[in-house]
């Protein structure tokens, strides 16, 4: 049987932490930033971790499960 291929879009968008959680970058920081307030822009700069329900699907796309 051939090996399972990693989903190319998922490997560009998600990474794993040391404990195995799925880390991602927030959206809405590419353009039209002038109408977004400083607090929102500051919070969008931070990366976050996925909830376990969604992480299960992403891990299968990454070939980790």
PDB file of N, CA and C in Angstrom:
ATOM      1  N   UNK A   1       0.840  -1.192   0.000  1.00  0.00           N
ATOM      2  CA  UNK A   1       0.000   0.000   0.000  1.00  0.00           C
ATOM      3  C   UNK A   1       0.885   1.255   0.000  1.00  0.00           C
ATOM      4  N   UNK A   2       0.479   2.292  -0.737  1.00  0.00           N
ATOM      5  CA  UNK A   2       1.251   3.541  -0.685  1.00  0.00           C
ATOM      6  C   UNK A   2       1.038   4.259   0.644  1.00  0.00           C
ATOM      7  N   UNK A   3       1.979   5.129   0.962  1.00  0.00           N
ATOM      8  CA  UNK A   3       1.870   5.909   2.192  1.00  0.00           C
ATOM      9  C   UNK A   3       0.799   6.983   2.050  1.00  0.00           C
ATOM     10  N   UNK A   4       0.231   7.396   3.184  1.00  0.00           N
ATOM     11  CA  UNK A   4      -0.718   8.507   3.193  1.00  0.00           C
ATOM     12  C   UNK A   4       0.040   9.808   2.992  1.00  0.00           C
ATOM     13  N   UNK A   5      -0.465  10.686   2.140  1.00  0.00           N
ATOM     14  CA  UNK A   5       0.182  11.968   1.918  1.00  0.00           C
ATOM     15  C   UNK A   5      -0.341  12.997   2.917  1.00  0.00           C
ATOM     16  N   UNK A   6       0.551  13.882   3.347  1.00  0.00           N
ATOM     17  CA  UNK A   6       0.171  14.984   4.212  1.00  0.00           C
ATOM     18  C   UNK A   6      -0.594  16.015   3.394  1.00  0.00           C
ATOM     19  N   UNK A   7      -1.641  16.583   3.963  1.00  0.00           N
ATOM     20  CA  UNK A   7      -2.430  17.616   3.299  1.00  0.00           C
ATOM     21  C   UNK A   7      -1.594  18.890   3.220  1.00  0.00           C
ATOM     22  N   UNK A   8      -1.293  19.352   1.993  1.00  0.00           N
ATOM     23  CA  UNK A   8      -0.369  20.476   1.805  1.00  0.00           C
ATOM     24  C   UNK A   8      -0.891  21.767   2.434  1.00  0.00           C
ATOM     25  N   UNK A   9      -2.190  22.018   2.325  1.00  0.00           N
ATOM     26  CA  UNK A   9      -2.750  23.232   2.916  1.00  0.00           C
ATOM     27  C   UNK A   9      -2.678  23.210   4.427  1.00  0.00           C
ATOM     28  N   UNK A  10      -2.869  22.036   5.023  1.00  0.00           N
ATOM     29  CA  UNK A  10      -2.838  21.929   6.481  1.00  0.00           C
ATOM     30  C   UNK A  10      -1.425  22.096   7.015  1.00  0.00           C
ATOM     31  N   UNK A  11      -0.435  21.573   6.309  1.00  0.00           N
ATOM     32  CA  UNK A  11       0.929  21.680   6.845  1.00  0.00           C
ATOM     33  C   UNK A  11       1.452  23.106   6.779  1.00  0.00           C
ATOM     34  N   UNK A  12       0.865  23.949   5.891  1.00  0.00           N
ATOM     35  CA  UNK A  12       1.257  25.354   5.840  1.00  0.00           C
ATOM     36  C   UNK A  12       0.567  26.174   6.925  1.00  0.00           C
ATOM     37  N   UNK A  13      -0.587  25.739   7.396  1.00  0.00           N
ATOM     38  CA  UNK A  13      -1.389  26.549   8.305  1.00  0.00           C
ATOM     39  C   UNK A  13      -1.301  26.142   9.771  1.00  0.00           C
ATOM     40  N   UNK A  14      -0.929  24.897  10.043  1.00  0.00           N
ATOM     41  CA  UNK A  14      -0.938  24.398  11.412  1.00  0.00           C
ATOM     42  C   UNK A  14       0.419  23.841  11.793  1.00  0.00           C
ATOM     43  N   UNK A  15       0.750  23.929  13.080  1.00  0.00           N
ATOM     44  CA  UNK A  15       1.948  23.287  13.598  1.00  0.00           C
ATOM     45  C   UNK A  15       1.607  22.703  14.963  1.00  0.00           C
ATOM     46  N   UNK A  16       2.477  21.845  15.453  1.00  0.00           N
ATOM     47  CA  UNK A  16       2.222  21.172  16.724  1.00  0.00           C
ATOM     48  C   UNK A  16       3.093  21.768  17.825  1.00  0.00           C
ATOM     49  N   UNK A  17       2.530  21.848  19.021  1.00  0.00           N
ATOM     50  CA  UNK A  17       3.306  22.268  20.181  1.00  0.00           C
ATOM     51  C   UNK A  17       4.033  21.053  20.740  1.00  0.00           C
ATOM     52  N   UNK A  18       4.836  21.279  21.742  1.00  0.00           N
ATOM     53  CA  UNK A  18       5.575  20.182  22.353  1.00  0.00           C
ATOM     54  C   UNK A  18       4.679  19.159  23.014  1.00  0.00           C
ATOM     55  N   UNK A  19       3.524  19.589  23.502  1.00  0.00           N
ATOM     56  CA  UNK A  19       2.601  18.670  24.174  1.00  0.00           C
ATOM     57  C   UNK A  19       1.626  18.013  23.204  1.00  0.00           C
ATOM     58  N   UNK A  20       1.733  18.359  21.891  1.00  0.00           N
ATOM     59  CA  UNK A  20       0.880  17.719  20.898  1.00  0.00           C
ATOM     60  C   UNK A  20      -0.371  18.491  20.540  1.00  0.00           C
ATOM     61  N   UNK A  21      -0.520  19.701  21.068  1.00  0.00           N
ATOM     62  CA  UNK A  21      -1.670  20.521  20.690  1.00  0.00           C
ATOM     63  C   UNK A  21      -1.415  21.137  19.321  1.00  0.00           C
ATOM     64  N   UNK A  22      -2.508  21.508  18.635  1.00  0.00           N
ATOM     65  CA  UNK A  22      -2.394  22.079  17.292  1.00  0.00           C
ATOM     66  C   UNK A  22      -2.433  23.604  17.404  1.00  0.00           C
ATOM     67  N   UNK A  23      -1.388  24.248  16.877  1.00  0.00           N
ATOM     68  CA  UNK A  23      -1.248  25.699  16.952  1.00  0.00           C
ATOM     69  C   UNK A  23      -1.583  26.297  15.587  1.00  0.00           C
ATOM     70  N   UNK A  24      -2.239  27.476  15.591  1.00  0.00           N
ATOM     71  CA  UNK A  24      -2.593  28.138  14.338  1.00  0.00           C
ATOM     72  C   UNK A  24      -2.481  29.643  14.504  1.00  0.00           C
ATOM     73  N   UNK A  25      -2.402  30.343  13.377  1.00  0.00           N
ATOM     74  CA  UNK A  25      -2.319  31.804  13.369  1.00  0.00           C
ATOM     75  C   UNK A  25      -3.714  32.360  13.105  1.00  0.00           C
ATOM     76  N   UNK A  26      -4.048  33.443  13.789  1.00  0.00           N
ATOM     77  CA  UNK A  26      -5.362  34.064  13.634  1.00  0.00           C
ATOM     78  C   UNK A  26      -5.519  34.711  12.257  1.00  0.00           C
ATOM     79  N   UNK A  27      -6.751  34.808  11.796  1.00  0.00           N
ATOM     80  CA  UNK A  27      -7.063  35.435  10.512  1.00  0.00           C
ATOM     81  C   UNK A  27      -7.327  36.935  10.698  1.00  0.00           C
ATOM     82  N   UNK A  28      -7.620  37.622   9.610  1.00  0.00           N
ATOM     83  CA  UNK A  28      -8.032  39.035   9.575  1.00  0.00           C
ATOM     84  C   UNK A  28      -6.906  40.010   9.898  1.00  0.00           C
ATOM     85  N   UNK A  29      -5.661  39.669   9.555  1.00  0.00           N
ATOM     86  CA  UNK A  29      -4.547  40.591   9.797  1.00  0.00           C
ATOM     87  C   UNK A  29      -3.820  40.952   8.503  1.00  0.00           C
ATOM     88  N   UNK A  30      -4.420  40.733   7.341  1.00  0.00           N
ATOM     89  CA  UNK A  30      -3.730  40.958   6.075  1.00  0.00           C
ATOM     90  C   UNK A  30      -3.914  42.365   5.521  1.00  0.00           C
ATOM     91  N   UNK A  31      -5.121  42.891   5.575  1.00  0.00           N
ATOM     92  CA  UNK A  31      -5.379  44.209   4.995  1.00  0.00           C
ATOM     93  C   UNK A  31      -6.588  44.817   5.676  1.00  0.00           C
ATOM     94  N   UNK A  32      -6.882  46.077   5.348  1.00  0.00           N
ATOM     95  CA  UNK A  32      -7.961  46.863   5.970  1.00  0.00           C
ATOM     96  C   UNK A  32      -7.777  46.881   7.487  1.00  0.00           C
ATOM     97  N   UNK A  33      -6.565  47.263   7.910  1.00  0.00           N
ATOM     98  CA  UNK A  33      -6.259  47.270   9.340  1.00  0.00           C
ATOM     99  C   UNK A  33      -6.587  48.607   9.996  1.00  0.00           C
ATOM    100  N   UNK A  34      -6.833  49.645   9.187  1.00  0.00           N
ATOM    101  CA  UNK A  34      -7.047  50.963   9.773  1.00  0.00           C
ATOM    102  C   UNK A  34      -8.353  51.047  10.543  1.00  0.00           C
ATOM    103  N   UNK A  35      -9.356  50.292  10.138  1.00  0.00           N
ATOM    104  CA  UNK A  35     -10.632  50.349  10.853  1.00  0.00           C
ATOM    105  C   UNK A  35     -10.707  49.383  12.026  1.00  0.00           C
ATOM    106  N   UNK A  36      -9.684  48.576  12.214  1.00  0.00           N
ATOM    107  CA  UNK A  36      -9.641  47.671  13.372  1.00  0.00           C
ATOM    108  C   UNK A  36      -8.881  48.382  14.492  1.00  0.00           C
ATOM    109  N   UNK A  37      -9.416  48.296  15.705  1.00  0.00           N
ATOM    110  CA  UNK A  37      -8.765  49.018  16.793  1.00  0.00           C
ATOM    111  C   UNK A  37      -7.501  48.295  17.268  1.00  0.00           C
ATOM    112  N   UNK A  38      -6.698  48.994  18.048  1.00  0.00           N
ATOM    113  CA  UNK A  38      -5.377  48.501  18.449  1.00  0.00           C
ATOM    114  C   UNK A  38      -5.485  47.232  19.286  1.00  0.00           C
ATOM    115  N   UNK A  39      -6.497  47.142  20.124  1.00  0.00           N
ATOM    116  CA  UNK A  39      -6.658  45.966  20.974  1.00  0.00           C
ATOM    117  C   UNK A  39      -6.929  44.720  20.135  1.00  0.00           C
ATOM    118  N   UNK A  40      -7.773  44.853  19.127  1.00  0.00           N
ATOM    119  CA  UNK A  40      -8.072  43.726  18.251  1.00  0.00           C
ATOM    120  C   UNK A  40      -6.825  43.305  17.466  1.00  0.00           C
ATOM    121  N   UNK A  41      -6.112  44.282  16.908  1.00  0.00           N
ATOM    122  CA  UNK A  41      -4.910  43.959  16.131  1.00  0.00           C
ATOM    123  C   UNK A  41      -3.857  43.287  17.003  1.00  0.00           C
ATOM    124  N   UNK A  42      -3.720  43.756  18.235  1.00  0.00           N
ATOM    125  CA  UNK A  42      -2.750  43.169  19.158  1.00  0.00           C
ATOM    126  C   UNK A  42      -3.112  41.725  19.481  1.00  0.00           C
ATOM    127  N   UNK A  43      -4.405  41.448  19.683  1.00  0.00           N
ATOM    128  CA  UNK A  43      -4.835  40.089  20.003  1.00  0.00           C
ATOM    129  C   UNK A  43      -4.748  39.160  18.795  1.00  0.00           C
ATOM    130  N   UNK A  44      -4.932  39.699  17.596  1.00  0.00           N
ATOM    131  CA  UNK A  44      -4.853  38.878  16.391  1.00  0.00           C
ATOM    132  C   UNK A  44      -3.414  38.484  16.057  1.00  0.00           C
ATOM    133  N   UNK A  45      -2.442  39.226  16.575  1.00  0.00           N
ATOM    134  CA  UNK A  45      -1.038  38.884  16.331  1.00  0.00           C
ATOM    135  C   UNK A  45      -0.644  37.582  17.004  1.00  0.00           C
ATOM    136  N   UNK A  46      -1.319  37.250  18.098  1.00  0.00           N
ATOM    137  CA  UNK A  46      -0.957  36.059  18.866  1.00  0.00           C
ATOM    138  C   UNK A  46      -1.476  34.803  18.177  1.00  0.00           C
ATOM    139  N   UNK A  47      -0.719  33.734  18.287  1.00  0.00           N
ATOM    140  CA  UNK A  47      -1.217  32.452  17.791  1.00  0.00           C
ATOM    141  C   UNK A  47      -2.037  31.794  18.895  1.00  0.00           C
ATOM    142  N   UNK A  48      -2.801  30.793  18.534  1.00  0.00           N
ATOM    143  CA  UNK A  48      -3.676  30.135  19.489  1.00  0.00           C
ATOM    144  C   UNK A  48      -3.688  28.639  19.220  1.00  0.00           C
ATOM    145  N   UNK A  49      -4.306  27.884  20.102  1.00  0.00           N
ATOM    146  CA  UNK A  49      -4.395  26.435  19.911  1.00  0.00           C
ATOM    147  C   UNK A  49      -5.835  26.050  19.593  1.00  0.00           C
ATOM    148  N   UNK A  50      -5.980  25.021  18.799  1.00  0.00           N
ATOM    149  CA  UNK A  50      -7.301  24.544  18.423  1.00  0.00           C
ATOM    150  C   UNK A  50      -7.952  23.781  19.564  1.00  0.00           C
ATOM    151  N   UNK A  51      -9.268  23.769  19.568  1.00  0.00           N
ATOM    152  CA  UNK A  51      -9.998  22.942  20.523  1.00  0.00           C
ATOM    153  C   UNK A  51      -9.812  21.473  20.149  1.00  0.00           C
ATOM    154  N   UNK A  52      -9.883  20.566  21.123  1.00  0.00           N
ATOM    155  CA  UNK A  52      -9.626  19.138  20.836  1.00  0.00           C
ATOM    156  C   UNK A  52     -10.528  18.544  19.762  1.00  0.00           C
ATOM    157  N   UNK A  53     -11.773  19.032  19.674  1.00  0.00           N
ATOM    158  CA  UNK A  53     -12.691  18.507  18.669  1.00  0.00           C
ATOM    159  C   UNK A  53     -12.194  18.819  17.256  1.00  0.00           C
ATOM    160  N   UNK A  54     -11.673  20.026  17.044  1.00  0.00           N
ATOM    161  CA  UNK A  54     -11.163  20.405  15.734  1.00  0.00           C
ATOM    162  C   UNK A  54      -9.759  19.854  15.502  1.00  0.00           C
ATOM    163  N   UNK A  55      -8.989  19.741  16.567  1.00  0.00           N
ATOM    164  CA  UNK A  55      -7.612  19.269  16.451  1.00  0.00           C
ATOM    165  C   UNK A  55      -7.570  17.832  15.944  1.00  0.00           C
ATOM    166  N   UNK A  56      -8.557  17.045  16.296  1.00  0.00           N
ATOM    167  CA  UNK A  56      -8.599  15.642  15.853  1.00  0.00           C
ATOM    168  C   UNK A  56      -8.642  15.558  14.333  1.00  0.00           C
ATOM    169  N   UNK A  57      -9.412  16.430  13.700  1.00  0.00           N
ATOM    170  CA  UNK A  57      -9.510  16.443  12.243  1.00  0.00           C
ATOM    171  C   UNK A  57      -8.219  16.921  11.596  1.00  0.00           C
ATOM    172  N   UNK A  58      -7.619  17.978  12.173  1.00  0.00           N
ATOM    173  CA  UNK A  58      -6.377  18.524  11.617  1.00  0.00           C
ATOM    174  C   UNK A  58      -5.240  17.526  11.759  1.00  0.00           C
ATOM    175  N   UNK A  59      -5.183  16.819  12.870  1.00  0.00           N
ATOM    176  CA  UNK A  59      -4.131  15.812  13.059  1.00  0.00           C
ATOM    177  C   UNK A  59      -4.215  14.708  12.022  1.00  0.00           C
ATOM    178  N   UNK A  60      -5.427  14.355  11.607  1.00  0.00           N
ATOM    179  CA  UNK A  60      -5.552  13.332  10.575  1.00  0.00           C
ATOM    180  C   UNK A  60      -5.087  13.862   9.232  1.00  0.00           C
ATOM    181  N   UNK A  61      -5.295  15.177   8.962  1.00  0.00           N
ATOM    182  CA  UNK A  61      -4.798  15.772   7.724  1.00  0.00           C
ATOM    183  C   UNK A  61      -3.276  15.832   7.715  1.00  0.00           C
ATOM    184  N   UNK A  62      -2.687  16.021   8.906  1.00  0.00           N
ATOM    185  CA  UNK A  62      -1.235  16.079   9.016  1.00  0.00           C
ATOM    186  C   UNK A  62      -0.597  14.690   9.064  1.00  0.00           C
ATOM    187  N   UNK A  63      -1.418  13.658   9.143  1.00  0.00           N
ATOM    188  CA  UNK A  63      -0.887  12.300   9.188  1.00  0.00           C
ATOM    189  C   UNK A  63      -0.337  11.908  10.540  1.00  0.00           C
ATOM    190  N   UNK A  64      -0.798  12.562  11.597  1.00  0.00           N
ATOM    191  CA  UNK A  64      -0.305  12.284  12.940  1.00  0.00           C
ATOM    192  C   UNK A  64      -1.184  11.339  13.727  1.00  0.00           C
ATOM    193  N   UNK A  65      -2.350  10.959  13.151  1.00  0.00           N
ATOM    194  CA  UNK A  65      -3.263  10.081  13.880  1.00  0.00           C
ATOM    195  C   UNK A  65      -3.676   8.941  13.035  1.00  0.00           C
TER     196      UNK A  65
END
